[in-house]
N, C-alpha and C. Protein backbone atom coordinates (compact mmCIF):
# COMPACT_ATOMS: atom_id res chain seq x y z
N MET A 1 -34.65 51.97 -33.01
CA MET A 1 -34.21 52.58 -31.77
C MET A 1 -34.27 54.09 -31.93
N ASP A 2 -34.77 54.72 -30.92
CA ASP A 2 -34.83 56.17 -30.86
C ASP A 2 -33.40 56.72 -30.85
N PRO A 3 -33.08 57.71 -31.71
CA PRO A 3 -31.71 58.25 -31.73
C PRO A 3 -31.24 58.72 -30.35
N GLY A 4 -32.13 59.22 -29.53
CA GLY A 4 -31.74 59.66 -28.20
C GLY A 4 -31.34 58.51 -27.30
N ALA A 5 -31.97 57.35 -27.50
CA ALA A 5 -31.64 56.18 -26.69
C ALA A 5 -30.23 55.70 -26.97
N ALA A 6 -29.76 55.91 -28.18
CA ALA A 6 -28.40 55.49 -28.53
C ALA A 6 -27.36 56.21 -27.69
N GLU A 7 -27.66 57.42 -27.25
CA GLU A 7 -26.72 58.18 -26.42
C GLU A 7 -26.43 57.48 -25.10
N LEU A 8 -27.32 56.62 -24.66
CA LEU A 8 -27.08 55.88 -23.43
C LEU A 8 -25.83 55.02 -23.53
N TYR A 9 -25.51 54.58 -24.72
CA TYR A 9 -24.39 53.67 -24.94
C TYR A 9 -23.14 54.38 -25.45
N ASP A 10 -23.25 55.66 -25.77
CA ASP A 10 -22.13 56.37 -26.37
C ASP A 10 -20.86 56.31 -25.53
N GLN A 11 -20.98 56.53 -24.22
CA GLN A 11 -19.78 56.55 -23.38
C GLN A 11 -19.09 55.19 -23.36
N ALA A 12 -19.87 54.13 -23.23
CA ALA A 12 -19.28 52.79 -23.20
C ALA A 12 -18.62 52.46 -24.54
N LEU A 13 -19.31 52.75 -25.62
CA LEU A 13 -18.76 52.46 -26.95
C LEU A 13 -17.55 53.33 -27.25
N LEU A 14 -17.62 54.59 -26.87
CA LEU A 14 -16.49 55.48 -27.08
C LEU A 14 -15.28 55.02 -26.28
N GLY A 15 -15.52 54.54 -25.08
CA GLY A 15 -14.43 54.00 -24.27
C GLY A 15 -13.76 52.82 -24.94
N ILE A 16 -14.54 51.93 -25.51
CA ILE A 16 -13.97 50.78 -26.23
C ILE A 16 -13.19 51.27 -27.44
N LEU A 17 -13.76 52.19 -28.20
CA LEU A 17 -13.09 52.71 -29.39
C LEU A 17 -11.77 53.37 -29.03
N GLN A 18 -11.76 54.16 -27.97
CA GLN A 18 -10.53 54.81 -27.55
C GLN A 18 -9.50 53.79 -27.08
N HIS A 19 -9.97 52.74 -26.45
CA HIS A 19 -9.06 51.71 -25.94
C HIS A 19 -8.38 50.95 -27.08
N VAL A 20 -9.16 50.58 -28.10
CA VAL A 20 -8.58 49.81 -29.21
C VAL A 20 -7.89 50.71 -30.22
N GLY A 21 -8.31 51.97 -30.33
CA GLY A 21 -7.58 52.94 -31.12
C GLY A 21 -8.01 53.16 -32.55
N ASN A 22 -8.88 52.31 -33.09
CA ASN A 22 -9.33 52.53 -34.47
C ASN A 22 -10.63 51.78 -34.71
N VAL A 23 -11.32 52.19 -35.76
CA VAL A 23 -12.65 51.64 -36.06
C VAL A 23 -12.57 50.17 -36.44
N GLN A 24 -11.54 49.78 -37.18
CA GLN A 24 -11.44 48.38 -37.62
C GLN A 24 -11.36 47.45 -36.40
N ASP A 25 -10.52 47.78 -35.44
CA ASP A 25 -10.41 46.93 -34.25
C ASP A 25 -11.67 47.02 -33.38
N PHE A 26 -12.31 48.19 -33.36
CA PHE A 26 -13.57 48.33 -32.64
C PHE A 26 -14.61 47.37 -33.21
N LEU A 27 -14.69 47.31 -34.54
CA LEU A 27 -15.65 46.39 -35.17
C LEU A 27 -15.27 44.94 -34.88
N ARG A 28 -13.98 44.64 -34.82
CA ARG A 28 -13.55 43.28 -34.46
C ARG A 28 -14.03 42.94 -33.05
N VAL A 29 -13.90 43.90 -32.13
CA VAL A 29 -14.38 43.68 -30.76
C VAL A 29 -15.88 43.47 -30.76
N LEU A 30 -16.61 44.31 -31.46
CA LEU A 30 -18.06 44.23 -31.49
C LEU A 30 -18.54 42.90 -32.07
N PHE A 31 -18.01 42.51 -33.21
CA PHE A 31 -18.44 41.26 -33.83
C PHE A 31 -17.93 40.05 -33.06
N GLY A 32 -16.77 40.19 -32.42
CA GLY A 32 -16.29 39.12 -31.54
C GLY A 32 -17.24 38.90 -30.38
N PHE A 33 -17.72 40.00 -29.81
CA PHE A 33 -18.71 39.91 -28.74
C PHE A 33 -19.97 39.20 -29.23
N LEU A 34 -20.46 39.59 -30.39
CA LEU A 34 -21.66 38.95 -30.94
C LEU A 34 -21.44 37.47 -31.16
N TYR A 35 -20.24 37.10 -31.58
CA TYR A 35 -19.92 35.69 -31.81
C TYR A 35 -19.88 34.90 -30.50
N ARG A 36 -19.23 35.48 -29.48
CA ARG A 36 -19.03 34.76 -28.23
C ARG A 36 -20.26 34.75 -27.32
N LYS A 37 -21.05 35.82 -27.34
CA LYS A 37 -22.07 36.00 -26.30
C LYS A 37 -23.52 36.00 -26.80
N THR A 38 -23.72 35.87 -28.11
CA THR A 38 -25.09 35.89 -28.64
C THR A 38 -25.26 34.78 -29.68
N ASP A 39 -26.44 34.70 -30.20
CA ASP A 39 -26.71 33.71 -31.27
C ASP A 39 -26.59 34.34 -32.66
N PHE A 40 -25.95 35.50 -32.75
CA PHE A 40 -25.85 36.23 -34.01
C PHE A 40 -25.25 35.38 -35.13
N TYR A 41 -24.26 34.57 -34.82
CA TYR A 41 -23.60 33.76 -35.83
C TYR A 41 -24.15 32.33 -35.91
N ARG A 42 -25.10 32.03 -35.08
CA ARG A 42 -25.68 30.69 -35.08
C ARG A 42 -26.73 30.59 -36.19
N LEU A 43 -26.64 29.53 -36.96
CA LEU A 43 -27.60 29.34 -38.05
C LEU A 43 -28.77 28.48 -37.60
N LEU A 44 -29.95 28.87 -38.03
CA LEU A 44 -31.13 28.02 -37.84
C LEU A 44 -31.03 26.89 -38.85
N ARG A 45 -30.95 25.69 -38.37
CA ARG A 45 -30.81 24.54 -39.28
C ARG A 45 -32.10 23.73 -39.41
N HIS A 46 -32.95 23.82 -38.39
CA HIS A 46 -34.19 23.05 -38.39
C HIS A 46 -35.34 23.98 -37.98
N PRO A 47 -36.53 23.69 -38.45
CA PRO A 47 -37.68 24.53 -38.06
C PRO A 47 -37.89 24.58 -36.55
N SER A 48 -37.43 23.58 -35.84
CA SER A 48 -37.61 23.56 -34.39
C SER A 48 -36.54 24.36 -33.64
N ASP A 49 -35.50 24.82 -34.32
CA ASP A 49 -34.46 25.63 -33.67
C ASP A 49 -35.08 26.91 -33.13
N ARG A 50 -34.67 27.27 -31.92
CA ARG A 50 -35.22 28.46 -31.28
C ARG A 50 -34.23 29.62 -31.23
N MET A 51 -32.99 29.36 -31.60
CA MET A 51 -31.97 30.41 -31.56
C MET A 51 -31.26 30.47 -32.90
N GLY A 52 -30.82 31.66 -33.24
CA GLY A 52 -30.05 31.83 -34.46
C GLY A 52 -30.82 32.56 -35.54
N PHE A 53 -30.19 32.61 -36.70
CA PHE A 53 -30.75 33.31 -37.85
C PHE A 53 -30.76 32.38 -39.05
N PRO A 54 -31.69 32.57 -39.96
CA PRO A 54 -31.63 31.82 -41.22
C PRO A 54 -30.34 32.20 -41.96
N PRO A 55 -29.85 31.32 -42.81
CA PRO A 55 -28.62 31.63 -43.55
C PRO A 55 -28.74 32.98 -44.27
N GLY A 56 -27.74 33.83 -44.10
CA GLY A 56 -27.69 35.13 -44.75
C GLY A 56 -28.42 36.25 -44.03
N ALA A 57 -29.23 35.92 -43.03
CA ALA A 57 -30.04 36.94 -42.37
C ALA A 57 -29.20 37.89 -41.52
N ALA A 58 -28.20 37.39 -40.83
CA ALA A 58 -27.36 38.26 -40.00
C ALA A 58 -26.59 39.25 -40.88
N GLN A 59 -26.04 38.75 -41.98
CA GLN A 59 -25.32 39.63 -42.91
C GLN A 59 -26.26 40.67 -43.50
N ALA A 60 -27.47 40.25 -43.85
CA ALA A 60 -28.44 41.18 -44.42
C ALA A 60 -28.81 42.27 -43.40
N LEU A 61 -28.91 41.89 -42.14
CA LEU A 61 -29.23 42.87 -41.09
C LEU A 61 -28.13 43.92 -40.98
N VAL A 62 -26.88 43.49 -40.96
CA VAL A 62 -25.76 44.44 -40.86
C VAL A 62 -25.73 45.35 -42.07
N LEU A 63 -25.90 44.80 -43.24
CA LEU A 63 -25.89 45.61 -44.47
C LEU A 63 -27.06 46.59 -44.47
N GLN A 64 -28.21 46.17 -44.00
CA GLN A 64 -29.38 47.06 -43.92
C GLN A 64 -29.09 48.24 -42.99
N LEU A 65 -28.44 47.99 -41.86
CA LEU A 65 -28.12 49.06 -40.91
C LEU A 65 -27.07 50.01 -41.48
N ILE A 66 -26.11 49.49 -42.22
CA ILE A 66 -25.12 50.35 -42.87
C ILE A 66 -25.80 51.24 -43.90
N ARG A 67 -26.65 50.65 -44.71
CA ARG A 67 -27.33 51.43 -45.76
C ARG A 67 -28.27 52.47 -45.17
N LEU A 68 -28.89 52.16 -44.06
CA LEU A 68 -29.78 53.12 -43.41
C LEU A 68 -29.02 54.39 -43.05
N ARG A 69 -27.82 54.23 -42.53
CA ARG A 69 -27.04 55.38 -42.11
C ARG A 69 -26.36 56.10 -43.26
N GLU A 70 -26.35 55.50 -44.42
CA GLU A 70 -25.81 56.15 -45.61
C GLU A 70 -26.84 57.04 -46.30
N GLN A 71 -28.10 56.91 -45.91
CA GLN A 71 -29.15 57.70 -46.54
C GLN A 71 -28.94 59.18 -46.21
N PRO A 72 -29.15 60.05 -47.19
CA PRO A 72 -28.89 61.49 -46.99
C PRO A 72 -29.63 62.09 -45.80
N GLY A 73 -30.83 61.69 -45.53
CA GLY A 73 -31.60 62.30 -44.45
C GLY A 73 -31.22 61.83 -43.07
N PHE A 74 -30.50 60.73 -42.96
CA PHE A 74 -30.20 60.17 -41.64
C PHE A 74 -29.37 61.13 -40.80
N ALA A 75 -28.28 61.64 -41.33
CA ALA A 75 -27.42 62.55 -40.57
C ALA A 75 -28.17 63.82 -40.20
N ARG A 76 -28.98 64.35 -41.09
CA ARG A 76 -29.75 65.55 -40.81
C ARG A 76 -30.73 65.30 -39.66
N ASP A 77 -31.39 64.15 -39.67
CA ASP A 77 -32.35 63.83 -38.61
C ASP A 77 -31.66 63.68 -37.26
N VAL A 78 -30.49 63.08 -37.24
CA VAL A 78 -29.75 62.92 -35.99
C VAL A 78 -29.34 64.28 -35.45
N LEU A 79 -28.84 65.15 -36.32
CA LEU A 79 -28.43 66.50 -35.89
C LEU A 79 -29.63 67.28 -35.35
N ARG A 80 -30.77 67.18 -36.02
CA ARG A 80 -31.96 67.89 -35.58
C ARG A 80 -32.39 67.39 -34.20
N PHE A 81 -32.32 66.08 -33.99
CA PHE A 81 -32.70 65.52 -32.70
C PHE A 81 -31.76 66.01 -31.60
N GLN A 82 -30.46 66.09 -31.89
CA GLN A 82 -29.48 66.51 -30.89
C GLN A 82 -29.67 67.97 -30.49
N LYS A 83 -30.19 68.80 -31.39
CA LYS A 83 -30.40 70.21 -31.08
C LYS A 83 -31.63 70.43 -30.20
N GLN A 84 -32.49 69.47 -30.10
CA GLN A 84 -33.73 69.63 -29.31
C GLN A 84 -33.42 69.61 -27.83
């Protein structure tokens, strides 16, 4: 996702964060939404399954996204984009 596109969601996400009051509860809301409204927690059990993830894939995706933002250049790139 283009860093600028993420700004489209900032107000909505910030509103949720302000409403719940802390990051831990914000993440509970976010993952609760994924559980209730998406196939994020659904496991692919058969090759014919059309929804869900292979075992461990959803966790790997979240960890990959966390690690991406921990990289030293990520914050610098976001700041540079915001100054444009």
